[in-house]
Amino acid sequence: MFVGEGLAQIGSSFATTEDATPTQVFDAMDKLSTFFGVTRVGNVYTIRHVMPTSDLDPSEIEFAFGLVSAAADDLEQLITGQDLM
């Protein structure tokens, strides 16, 4: 998690560039209808969610962590068929 300038960013890794091509990642995201962003950090694909912190309740952070990690687990399973991350 990263916090700065009024925003909190939550991320969770789900595959490496050895596991999937960018096309496979986007196809998997489309298949799961996920609404999170995806990025690559080095050779690791990561799902990300950003939210404003101005009136953020701690329960909202916990809820967002759950959503992001569940979506990453679903993508990982769809792409690799395994629990690698």
C-alpha atoms as a PDB file:
ATOM      1  CA  MET A   1       0.000   0.000   0.000  1.00  0.00           C
ATOM      2  CA  PHE A   2       1.200   3.488  -0.866  1.00  0.00           C
ATOM      3  CA  VAL A   3      -0.275   6.664   0.629  1.00  0.00           C
ATOM      4  CA  GLY A   4       0.508  10.149  -0.597  1.00  0.00           C
ATOM      5  CA  GLU A   5      -0.977  13.431  -1.828  1.00  0.00           C
ATOM      6  CA  GLY A   6      -4.505  12.537  -0.665  1.00  0.00           C
ATOM      7  CA  LEU A   7      -4.579   9.114  -2.319  1.00  0.00           C
ATOM      8  CA  ALA A   8      -4.032   5.543  -1.150  1.00  0.00           C
ATOM      9  CA  GLN A   9      -2.929   2.879  -3.621  1.00  0.00           C
ATOM     10  CA  ILE A  10      -3.431  -0.821  -2.968  1.00  0.00           C
ATOM     11  CA  GLY A  11      -1.781  -3.441  -5.154  1.00  0.00           C
ATOM     12  CA  SER A  12      -1.503  -7.203  -5.454  1.00  0.00           C
ATOM     13  CA  SER A  13       0.684  -9.247  -7.809  1.00  0.00           C
ATOM     14  CA  PHE A  14      -0.822 -12.057  -9.861  1.00  0.00           C
ATOM     15  CA  ALA A  15       1.626 -13.192 -12.562  1.00  0.00           C
ATOM     16  CA  THR A  16       5.043 -12.622 -14.103  1.00  0.00           C
ATOM     17  CA  THR A  17       5.936 -11.813 -17.678  1.00  0.00           C
ATOM     18  CA  GLU A  18       7.046 -15.439 -17.960  1.00  0.00           C
ATOM     19  CA  ASP A  19       3.521 -16.561 -17.013  1.00  0.00           C
ATOM     20  CA  ALA A  20       1.577 -14.358 -19.424  1.00  0.00           C
ATOM     21  CA  THR A  21       1.777 -11.905 -22.283  1.00  0.00           C
ATOM     22  CA  PRO A  22       0.088  -8.498 -22.003  1.00  0.00           C
ATOM     23  CA  THR A  23      -2.679  -9.771 -24.298  1.00  0.00           C
ATOM     24  CA  GLN A  24      -3.326 -12.744 -22.002  1.00  0.00           C
ATOM     25  CA  VAL A  25      -3.462 -10.411 -18.990  1.00  0.00           C
ATOM     26  CA  PHE A  26      -5.968  -8.066 -20.653  1.00  0.00           C
ATOM     27  CA  ASP A  27      -8.056 -10.984 -21.930  1.00  0.00           C
ATOM     28  CA  ALA A  28      -8.180 -12.451 -18.409  1.00  0.00           C
ATOM     29  CA  MET A  29      -9.178  -9.082 -16.938  1.00  0.00           C
ATOM     30  CA  ASP A  30     -11.912  -8.752 -19.540  1.00  0.00           C
ATOM     31  CA  LYS A  31     -13.141 -12.273 -18.811  1.00  0.00           C
ATOM     32  CA  LEU A  32     -13.368 -11.551 -15.074  1.00  0.00           C
ATOM     33  CA  SER A  33     -14.854  -8.071 -15.680  1.00  0.00           C
ATOM     34  CA  THR A  34     -12.494  -6.634 -13.085  1.00  0.00           C
ATOM     35  CA  PHE A  35     -12.616  -2.884 -12.616  1.00  0.00           C
ATOM     36  CA  PHE A  36      -9.077  -2.437 -11.268  1.00  0.00           C
ATOM     37  CA  GLY A  37      -6.055  -1.119 -13.102  1.00  0.00           C
ATOM     38  CA  VAL A  38      -3.135  -3.316 -14.054  1.00  0.00           C
ATOM     39  CA  THR A  39       0.518  -2.445 -14.270  1.00  0.00           C
ATOM     40  CA  ARG A  40       3.825  -4.184 -14.629  1.00  0.00           C
ATOM     41  CA  VAL A  41       6.579  -3.585 -12.105  1.00  0.00           C
ATOM     42  CA  GLY A  42       9.748  -5.144 -13.448  1.00  0.00           C
ATOM     43  CA  ASN A  43       8.589  -8.565 -14.610  1.00  0.00           C
ATOM     44  CA  VAL A  44       5.560  -8.800 -12.291  1.00  0.00           C
ATOM     45  CA  TYR A  45       1.979  -7.925 -13.255  1.00  0.00           C
ATOM     46  CA  THR A  46       0.102  -6.179 -10.468  1.00  0.00           C
ATOM     47  CA  ILE A  47      -3.511  -5.207 -10.024  1.00  0.00           C
ATOM     48  CA  ARG A  48      -4.010  -1.731  -8.485  1.00  0.00           C
ATOM     49  CA  HIS A  49      -6.751   0.294  -6.916  1.00  0.00           C
ATOM     50  CA  VAL A  50      -6.508   3.965  -5.947  1.00  0.00           C
ATOM     51  CA  MET A  51      -8.847   5.741  -3.551  1.00  0.00           C
ATOM     52  CA  PRO A  52      -9.002   9.215  -2.000  1.00  0.00           C
ATOM     53  CA  THR A  53      -7.973   9.444   1.638  1.00  0.00           C
ATOM     54  CA  SER A  54      -9.704  12.680   2.636  1.00  0.00           C
ATOM     55  CA  ASP A  55     -12.662  10.968   4.325  1.00  0.00           C
ATOM     56  CA  LEU A  56     -11.557   7.344   4.218  1.00  0.00           C
ATOM     57  CA  ASP A  57     -12.830   5.052   6.943  1.00  0.00           C
ATOM     58  CA  PRO A  58     -10.534   2.181   8.094  1.00  0.00           C
ATOM     59  CA  SER A  59     -13.227  -0.340   7.132  1.00  0.00           C
ATOM     60  CA  GLU A  60     -13.063   0.941   3.548  1.00  0.00           C
ATOM     61  CA  ILE A  61      -9.341   0.193   3.431  1.00  0.00           C
ATOM     62  CA  GLU A  62      -9.922  -3.323   4.740  1.00  0.00           C
ATOM     63  CA  PHE A  63     -12.734  -3.858   2.219  1.00  0.00           C
ATOM     64  CA  ALA A  64     -10.541  -2.602  -0.662  1.00  0.00           C
ATOM     65  CA  PHE A  65      -7.680  -4.911   0.374  1.00  0.00           C
ATOM     66  CA  GLY A  66     -10.095  -7.835   0.240  1.00  0.00           C
ATOM     67  CA  LEU A  67     -11.407  -6.886  -3.203  1.00  0.00           C
ATOM     68  CA  VAL A  68      -7.947  -6.341  -4.684  1.00  0.00           C
ATOM     69  CA  SER A  69      -6.462  -9.548  -3.282  1.00  0.00           C
ATOM     70  CA  ALA A  70      -9.485 -11.613  -4.370  1.00  0.00           C
ATOM     71  CA  ALA A  71      -9.307 -10.194  -7.902  1.00  0.00           C
ATOM     72  CA  ALA A  72      -5.557 -10.886  -8.063  1.00  0.00           C
ATOM     73  CA  ASP A  73      -6.125 -14.456  -6.862  1.00  0.00           C
ATOM     74  CA  ASP A  74      -8.819 -14.955  -9.518  1.00  0.00           C
ATOM     75  CA  LEU A  75      -6.536 -13.589 -12.252  1.00  0.00           C
ATOM     76  CA  GLU A  76      -3.638 -15.723 -11.048  1.00  0.00           C
ATOM     77  CA  GLN A  77      -5.792 -18.847 -11.127  1.00  0.00           C
ATOM     78  CA  LEU A  78      -7.160 -18.028 -14.579  1.00  0.00           C
ATOM     79  CA  ILE A  79      -3.741 -17.223 -16.051  1.00  0.00           C
ATOM     80  CA  THR A  80      -1.449 -19.740 -14.332  1.00  0.00           C
ATOM     81  CA  GLY A  81      -3.821 -22.311 -12.856  1.00  0.00           C
ATOM     82  CA  GLN A  82      -1.748 -22.121  -9.674  1.00  0.00           C
ATOM     83  CA  ASP A  83      -1.207 -20.083  -6.514  1.00  0.00           C
ATOM     84  CA  LEU A  84       2.258 -18.681  -7.204  1.00  0.00           C
ATOM     85  CA  MET A  85       2.199 -15.171  -5.732  1.00  0.00           C
END
